[in-house]
Amino acid sequence: MASSGKKKTTFAKLAREQKLRERRRDKQARKDARKREAETAPAQAQDAQPAPGGVGSAAE
C-alpha cells in the first residue's frame, strides 16, 4: 500500500517549532537593542562629563 503524499506533523511539533522561532526572534531583538545602546552610549557619556573648573568644582 502506498503512503499518502500529505506530510503529517503533530500539533506538539508545530508548537515547539513556533516557540523556537519566537525565542530566536526575541534573542535577536535583545541583541539589536544592545548594539543600538552601545552605539549611543559613548556619545552620551561625553556629553555627561562636566567641563574642568565648571559648576560644582572644588576650587571655590
N, C-alpha and C. Protein backbone atom coordinates (compact mmCIF):
# COMPACT_ATOMS: atom_id res chain seq x y z
N MET A 1 0.84 -1.18 0.00
CA MET A 1 0.00 0.00 0.00
C MET A 1 0.89 1.24 0.00
N ALA A 2 0.60 2.18 -0.83
CA ALA A 2 1.39 3.39 -0.95
C ALA A 2 0.98 4.40 0.13
N SER A 3 1.96 5.10 0.64
CA SER A 3 1.64 6.11 1.65
C SER A 3 1.13 7.37 0.96
N SER A 4 0.35 8.10 1.68
CA SER A 4 -0.18 9.34 1.11
C SER A 4 0.95 10.37 1.02
N GLY A 5 0.83 11.28 0.10
CA GLY A 5 1.86 12.30 -0.10
C GLY A 5 1.75 13.43 0.91
N LYS A 6 0.71 13.42 1.73
CA LYS A 6 0.50 14.50 2.69
C LYS A 6 1.42 14.34 3.89
N LYS A 7 2.11 15.41 4.22
CA LYS A 7 3.02 15.39 5.36
C LYS A 7 2.21 15.49 6.65
N LYS A 8 2.52 14.60 7.59
CA LYS A 8 1.79 14.62 8.86
C LYS A 8 2.71 15.13 9.96
N THR A 9 2.40 16.32 10.47
CA THR A 9 3.16 16.90 11.56
C THR A 9 2.21 17.11 12.73
N THR A 10 2.62 16.68 13.90
CA THR A 10 1.75 16.81 15.06
C THR A 10 1.69 18.26 15.52
N PHE A 11 0.61 18.58 16.23
CA PHE A 11 0.47 19.92 16.77
C PHE A 11 1.55 20.21 17.80
N ALA A 12 1.99 19.18 18.52
CA ALA A 12 3.05 19.38 19.51
C ALA A 12 4.34 19.84 18.82
N LYS A 13 4.65 19.22 17.70
CA LYS A 13 5.86 19.61 16.97
C LYS A 13 5.71 21.02 16.41
N LEU A 14 4.54 21.34 15.88
CA LEU A 14 4.31 22.68 15.37
C LEU A 14 4.45 23.72 16.48
N ALA A 15 3.94 23.40 17.67
CA ALA A 15 4.04 24.32 18.80
C ALA A 15 5.49 24.50 19.23
N ARG A 16 6.27 23.41 19.26
CA ARG A 16 7.70 23.52 19.62
C ARG A 16 8.44 24.39 18.63
N GLU A 17 8.17 24.19 17.35
CA GLU A 17 8.84 24.98 16.33
C GLU A 17 8.46 26.46 16.45
N GLN A 18 7.20 26.74 16.75
CA GLN A 18 6.75 28.13 16.91
C GLN A 18 7.46 28.78 18.09
N LYS A 19 7.56 28.05 19.21
CA LYS A 19 8.26 28.60 20.39
C LYS A 19 9.72 28.89 20.06
N LEU A 20 10.35 28.00 19.32
CA LEU A 20 11.75 28.18 18.94
C LEU A 20 11.92 29.43 18.08
N ARG A 21 11.02 29.61 17.12
CA ARG A 21 11.09 30.82 16.29
C ARG A 21 10.91 32.08 17.12
N GLU A 22 9.99 32.05 18.09
CA GLU A 22 9.76 33.21 18.95
C GLU A 22 10.99 33.51 19.81
N ARG A 23 11.61 32.45 20.36
CA ARG A 23 12.82 32.67 21.18
C ARG A 23 13.94 33.27 20.36
N ARG A 24 14.11 32.78 19.15
CA ARG A 24 15.16 33.32 18.28
C ARG A 24 14.89 34.77 17.93
N ARG A 25 13.62 35.10 17.66
CA ARG A 25 13.25 36.47 17.33
C ARG A 25 13.50 37.40 18.52
N ASP A 26 13.12 36.95 19.73
CA ASP A 26 13.33 37.75 20.94
C ASP A 26 14.82 37.95 21.22
N LYS A 27 15.61 36.90 21.02
CA LYS A 27 17.05 36.99 21.25
C LYS A 27 17.67 37.98 20.28
N GLN A 28 17.27 37.96 19.04
CA GLN A 28 17.80 38.89 18.04
C GLN A 28 17.40 40.32 18.40
N ALA A 29 16.18 40.50 18.89
CA ALA A 29 15.73 41.84 19.28
C ALA A 29 16.57 42.38 20.44
N ARG A 30 16.87 41.52 21.42
CA ARG A 30 17.72 41.94 22.54
C ARG A 30 19.12 42.29 22.06
N LYS A 31 19.63 41.48 21.14
CA LYS A 31 20.97 41.73 20.61
C LYS A 31 21.01 43.06 19.86
N ASP A 32 19.99 43.34 19.06
CA ASP A 32 19.93 44.60 18.32
C ASP A 32 19.82 45.79 19.28
N ALA A 33 19.05 45.63 20.35
CA ALA A 33 18.89 46.71 21.33
C ALA A 33 20.22 47.01 22.01
N ARG A 34 20.97 45.96 22.37
CA ARG A 34 22.29 46.17 22.99
C ARG A 34 23.23 46.88 22.03
N LYS A 35 23.15 46.50 20.76
CA LYS A 35 24.03 47.13 19.76
C LYS A 35 23.70 48.61 19.62
N ARG A 36 22.40 48.94 19.55
CA ARG A 36 22.00 50.34 19.44
C ARG A 36 22.43 51.13 20.68
N GLU A 37 22.29 50.52 21.86
CA GLU A 37 22.67 51.19 23.10
C GLU A 37 24.17 51.43 23.14
N ALA A 38 24.96 50.49 22.67
CA ALA A 38 26.41 50.64 22.66
C ALA A 38 26.83 51.74 21.69
N GLU A 39 26.09 51.91 20.62
CA GLU A 39 26.43 52.96 19.65
C GLU A 39 26.12 54.34 20.21
N THR A 40 25.05 54.48 20.99
CA THR A 40 24.65 55.78 21.50
C THR A 40 25.30 56.08 22.85
N ALA A 41 25.71 55.08 23.61
CA ALA A 41 26.28 55.30 24.95
C ALA A 41 27.56 56.13 24.93
N PRO A 42 28.52 55.91 24.05
CA PRO A 42 29.73 56.75 24.07
C PRO A 42 29.43 58.22 23.84
N ALA A 43 28.51 58.55 22.97
CA ALA A 43 28.17 59.94 22.71
C ALA A 43 27.52 60.56 23.94
N GLN A 44 26.67 59.82 24.63
CA GLN A 44 26.03 60.34 25.83
C GLN A 44 27.04 60.49 26.95
N ALA A 45 28.00 59.60 27.07
CA ALA A 45 29.00 59.67 28.13
C ALA A 45 29.85 60.92 27.97
N GLN A 46 30.19 61.30 26.75
CA GLN A 46 30.99 62.50 26.52
C GLN A 46 30.18 63.74 26.86
N ASP A 47 28.89 63.75 26.58
CA ASP A 47 28.04 64.90 26.88
C ASP A 47 27.83 65.06 28.38
N ALA A 48 27.83 63.97 29.13
CA ALA A 48 27.53 64.00 30.56
C ALA A 48 28.72 64.44 31.40
N GLN A 49 29.94 64.42 30.89
CA GLN A 49 31.09 64.80 31.67
C GLN A 49 31.17 66.31 31.81
N PRO A 50 31.28 66.81 33.07
CA PRO A 50 31.37 68.27 33.27
C PRO A 50 32.72 68.81 32.81
N ALA A 51 32.70 70.02 32.38
CA ALA A 51 33.92 70.67 31.93
C ALA A 51 34.82 70.95 33.13
N PRO A 52 36.13 70.90 33.00
CA PRO A 52 37.03 71.20 34.12
C PRO A 52 36.83 72.63 34.60
N GLY A 53 36.74 72.80 35.94
CA GLY A 53 36.56 74.13 36.52
C GLY A 53 35.15 74.64 36.37
N GLY A 54 34.22 73.78 36.03
CA GLY A 54 32.84 74.19 35.83
C GLY A 54 32.09 74.28 37.14
N VAL A 55 30.80 74.30 37.08
CA VAL A 55 29.95 74.39 38.26
C VAL A 55 30.18 73.19 39.16
N GLY A 56 30.30 73.44 40.48
CA GLY A 56 30.49 72.36 41.41
C GLY A 56 31.92 71.96 41.59
N SER A 57 32.85 72.74 41.09
CA SER A 57 34.26 72.37 41.25
C SER A 57 34.72 72.68 42.67
N ALA A 58 35.75 72.05 43.15
CA ALA A 58 36.26 72.21 44.50
C ALA A 58 37.20 73.41 44.61
N ALA A 59 37.36 74.20 43.58
CA ALA A 59 38.29 75.33 43.57
C ALA A 59 37.66 76.60 44.12
N GLU A 60 36.52 76.52 44.78
CA GLU A 60 35.84 77.70 45.28
C GLU A 60 36.48 78.26 46.50
